[in-house]
Amino acid sequence: MWRGILVIILLAISVVTVDARPRQINPIPFAHEPCSVLDDRPCTPSYCSPLEPGPCIPEIDYPYGQNLQLTIESVPAEADRAKYQKPDHDLDTIGDLFAALRSCWSPPSDHARAGMQMSVRFSFNRDGDLIGPPRLTFATASVPADIRTTYLNAINASLKACLPLKFTSGLSGALAGRPIAIRYVDNRPIGQ
């Protein structure tokens, strides 16, 4: 009987001493190191447990967010002109994708309005085509319906002229199905 109690006390003391050491969290964000009971090096947990001591920081698989946002101006600033050049290679980064989308934009010439802003949202599939038509999410207030239609048609025509985009296998896997929001700004001096 006493021997059994002694064994239980020794086990409890050994568990307390093992859990008494501070748990270190990997300072590298999005480090994909699995945690194990037998690891003696710090790692980032991929789940939180009520039995874990201290704060728990779960690992997140999407390092660049759920929503990709981009603003495209009809007349870019002089410092931003390089961002409007289409890459001459398969698109490998988000920056390459944004440059390709910027280079596609051709604003409407008739029924144009200075200061017009319109936002659309859409997604790409792995092949570089759109998953459905772009969805209008914002248009400048107090603009007549025919001007809105003109700008939406220009957006659709500009996107269709560039499709399909050529993604690398890495970008196509990371980008497929993710929502992309583009704000088009017509900053041309129209009627002056």
Protein backbone atom coordinates (compact mmCIF):
# COMPACT_ATOMS: atom_id res chain seq x y z
CA MET A 1 0.00 0.00 0.00
CA TRP A 2 2.69 2.49 1.00
CA ARG A 3 4.74 1.44 -2.00
CA GLY A 4 1.82 2.28 -4.34
CA ILE A 5 1.33 5.70 -2.72
CA LEU A 6 5.06 6.39 -3.02
CA VAL A 7 5.01 5.52 -6.72
CA ILE A 8 2.01 7.84 -7.32
CA ILE A 9 3.71 10.69 -5.43
CA LEU A 10 6.95 10.23 -7.43
CA LEU A 11 4.99 10.24 -10.71
CA ALA A 12 3.12 13.40 -9.68
CA ILE A 13 6.39 15.13 -8.75
CA SER A 14 8.00 14.13 -12.05
CA VAL A 15 4.97 15.44 -14.02
CA VAL A 16 5.03 18.72 -12.11
CA THR A 17 8.76 19.19 -12.73
CA VAL A 18 8.34 18.46 -16.45
CA ASP A 19 5.47 20.96 -16.78
CA ALA A 20 7.24 23.55 -14.59
CA ARG A 21 9.71 24.53 -17.30
CA PRO A 22 8.52 27.49 -19.39
CA ARG A 23 7.06 26.68 -22.79
CA GLN A 24 8.71 28.61 -25.57
CA ILE A 25 6.90 29.54 -28.75
CA ASN A 26 8.73 29.64 -32.05
CA PRO A 27 9.29 33.33 -32.85
CA ILE A 28 9.25 32.68 -36.60
CA PRO A 29 5.72 33.35 -37.84
CA PHE A 30 4.05 30.57 -39.84
CA ALA A 31 6.85 28.08 -39.07
CA HIS A 32 5.54 24.70 -40.11
CA GLU A 33 7.15 22.61 -37.38
CA PRO A 34 4.93 19.98 -35.81
CA CYS A 35 4.87 19.86 -32.02
CA SER A 36 5.50 16.61 -30.22
CA VAL A 37 5.50 15.47 -26.61
CA LEU A 38 9.05 14.22 -27.11
CA ASP A 39 10.41 17.45 -28.65
CA ASP A 40 12.84 19.35 -26.49
CA ARG A 41 13.07 22.31 -28.87
CA PRO A 42 10.45 25.08 -29.08
CA CYS A 43 7.75 24.82 -31.71
CA THR A 44 4.52 26.53 -32.67
CA PRO A 45 1.42 24.55 -31.68
CA SER A 46 -1.11 23.87 -34.41
CA TYR A 47 -4.01 23.59 -31.97
CA CYS A 48 -4.96 24.96 -28.56
CA SER A 49 -5.85 22.77 -25.62
CA PRO A 50 -7.41 23.71 -22.26
CA LEU A 51 -4.73 21.54 -20.65
CA GLU A 52 -1.86 23.65 -22.04
CA PRO A 53 -0.31 26.10 -19.56
CA GLY A 54 0.02 29.72 -20.64
CA PRO A 55 -1.15 31.43 -23.79
CA CYS A 56 -1.68 29.42 -26.95
CA ILE A 57 -0.94 30.85 -30.39
CA PRO A 58 -2.42 28.61 -33.10
CA GLU A 59 -0.67 28.30 -36.43
CA ILE A 60 -2.37 29.95 -39.39
CA ASP A 61 -1.99 28.44 -42.86
CA TYR A 62 -2.70 31.56 -44.92
CA PRO A 63 0.20 33.98 -44.49
CA TYR A 64 -1.06 36.64 -46.90
CA GLY A 65 -4.63 36.89 -45.72
CA GLN A 66 -7.99 35.90 -47.04
CA ASN A 67 -8.62 38.95 -49.16
CA LEU A 68 -6.29 40.36 -51.80
CA GLN A 69 -6.96 44.05 -52.45
CA LEU A 70 -5.66 46.20 -55.26
CA THR A 71 -6.23 49.75 -56.50
CA ILE A 72 -5.85 50.48 -60.20
CA GLU A 73 -5.71 54.08 -61.44
CA SER A 74 -6.39 55.07 -65.03
CA VAL A 75 -3.36 57.39 -64.97
CA PRO A 76 -0.76 56.06 -62.54
CA ALA A 77 1.63 58.35 -60.72
CA GLU A 78 5.10 58.67 -62.24
CA ALA A 79 6.63 56.71 -59.35
CA ASP A 80 4.17 53.82 -59.89
CA ARG A 81 4.57 53.39 -63.66
CA ALA A 82 6.78 50.30 -63.22
CA LYS A 83 3.96 48.57 -61.32
CA TYR A 84 1.77 48.82 -64.44
CA GLN A 85 4.13 46.79 -66.67
CA LYS A 86 2.98 43.25 -67.41
CA PRO A 87 5.62 40.64 -66.45
CA ASP A 88 7.19 38.77 -69.38
CA HIS A 89 7.18 35.45 -67.52
CA ASP A 90 4.65 33.17 -65.82
CA LEU A 91 3.12 34.86 -62.80
CA ASP A 92 4.91 33.59 -59.69
CA THR A 93 4.10 36.14 -56.97
CA ILE A 94 1.19 38.28 -55.84
CA GLY A 95 3.14 41.32 -57.11
CA ASP A 96 3.32 39.73 -60.58
CA LEU A 97 -0.44 39.11 -60.49
CA PHE A 98 -1.16 42.69 -59.47
CA ALA A 99 1.12 44.05 -62.23
CA ALA A 100 -0.67 41.88 -64.81
CA LEU A 101 -4.09 43.08 -63.62
CA ARG A 102 -2.94 46.71 -63.66
CA SER A 103 -1.62 46.37 -67.21
CA CYS A 104 -4.97 44.95 -68.38
CA TRP A 105 -7.04 48.00 -67.44
CA SER A 106 -8.27 50.20 -70.25
CA PRO A 107 -10.81 52.78 -69.06
CA PRO A 108 -13.84 53.67 -71.19
CA SER A 109 -13.46 56.50 -73.66
CA ASP A 110 -17.13 57.38 -74.06
CA HIS A 111 -19.45 58.18 -71.14
CA ALA A 112 -16.43 58.57 -68.87
CA ARG A 113 -16.60 60.56 -65.66
CA ALA A 114 -13.71 62.16 -63.76
CA GLY A 115 -13.27 60.73 -60.27
CA MET A 116 -15.40 57.67 -60.96
CA GLN A 117 -14.60 54.74 -58.65
CA MET A 118 -15.84 51.20 -58.97
CA SER A 119 -14.89 48.05 -57.06
CA VAL A 120 -15.34 44.45 -58.13
CA ARG A 121 -14.62 41.14 -56.48
CA PHE A 122 -13.79 37.83 -58.15
CA SER A 123 -11.64 34.70 -57.90
CA PHE A 124 -9.37 32.75 -60.22
CA ASN A 125 -9.22 29.02 -60.73
CA ARG A 126 -5.95 27.10 -61.13
CA ASP A 127 -5.95 27.59 -64.90
CA GLY A 128 -5.96 31.40 -64.63
CA ASP A 129 -9.61 31.89 -65.63
CA LEU A 130 -12.29 33.63 -63.61
CA ILE A 131 -14.66 31.66 -61.41
CA GLY A 132 -17.83 33.38 -62.50
CA PRO A 133 -18.24 37.01 -63.53
CA PRO A 134 -16.79 39.83 -61.38
CA ARG A 135 -19.26 41.02 -58.75
CA LEU A 136 -19.79 44.76 -58.35
CA THR A 137 -19.25 45.77 -54.71
CA PHE A 138 -19.00 49.57 -54.92
CA ALA A 139 -19.67 52.42 -57.33
CA THR A 140 -19.44 56.16 -56.82
CA ALA A 141 -22.70 57.53 -55.43
CA SER A 142 -25.05 59.66 -57.56
CA VAL A 143 -23.69 58.33 -60.86
CA PRO A 144 -26.27 57.55 -63.55
CA ALA A 145 -26.91 53.90 -64.36
CA ASP A 146 -25.60 54.18 -67.93
CA ILE A 147 -22.17 55.39 -66.70
CA ARG A 148 -22.03 52.55 -64.15
CA THR A 149 -22.87 50.08 -66.90
CA THR A 150 -20.18 51.58 -69.15
CA TYR A 151 -17.52 51.19 -66.47
CA LEU A 152 -18.62 47.67 -65.54
CA ASN A 153 -18.50 46.66 -69.21
CA ALA A 154 -14.99 48.17 -69.50
CA ILE A 155 -13.86 46.20 -66.43
CA ASN A 156 -15.28 42.96 -67.81
CA ALA A 157 -13.75 43.56 -71.26
CA SER A 158 -10.34 44.42 -69.76
CA LEU A 159 -10.29 41.27 -67.66
CA LYS A 160 -11.46 39.04 -70.53
CA ALA A 161 -8.73 40.45 -72.80
CA CYS A 162 -6.02 39.29 -70.37
CA LEU A 163 -7.41 35.87 -69.54
CA PRO A 164 -6.28 33.23 -69.02
CA LEU A 165 -3.38 34.39 -66.89
CA LYS A 166 -0.38 32.05 -66.79
CA PHE A 167 0.30 31.09 -63.15
CA THR A 168 3.15 28.96 -61.92
CA SER A 169 2.05 25.80 -60.11
CA GLY A 170 2.89 27.31 -56.72
CA LEU A 171 0.87 30.49 -57.26
CA SER A 172 -2.05 28.68 -58.87
CA GLY A 173 -2.38 26.41 -55.84
CA ALA A 174 -2.17 29.28 -53.38
CA LEU A 175 -4.44 31.63 -55.32
CA ALA A 176 -7.24 29.38 -56.60
CA GLY A 177 -10.55 30.38 -55.05
CA ARG A 178 -9.19 33.28 -52.99
CA PRO A 179 -11.23 36.47 -53.36
CA ILE A 180 -9.54 39.40 -55.10
CA ALA A 181 -10.98 42.89 -54.68
CA ILE A 182 -10.00 45.57 -57.18
CA ARG A 183 -10.87 49.26 -56.90
CA TYR A 184 -10.72 51.06 -60.23
CA VAL A 185 -10.19 54.82 -60.01
CA ASP A 186 -10.64 57.00 -63.10
CA ASN A 187 -8.34 59.91 -62.27
CA ARG A 188 -8.08 61.24 -65.84
CA PRO A 189 -8.78 64.96 -66.35
CA ILE A 190 -11.97 64.44 -68.38
CA GLY A 191 -13.62 67.47 -69.96
CA GLN A 192 -10.87 69.96 -69.13
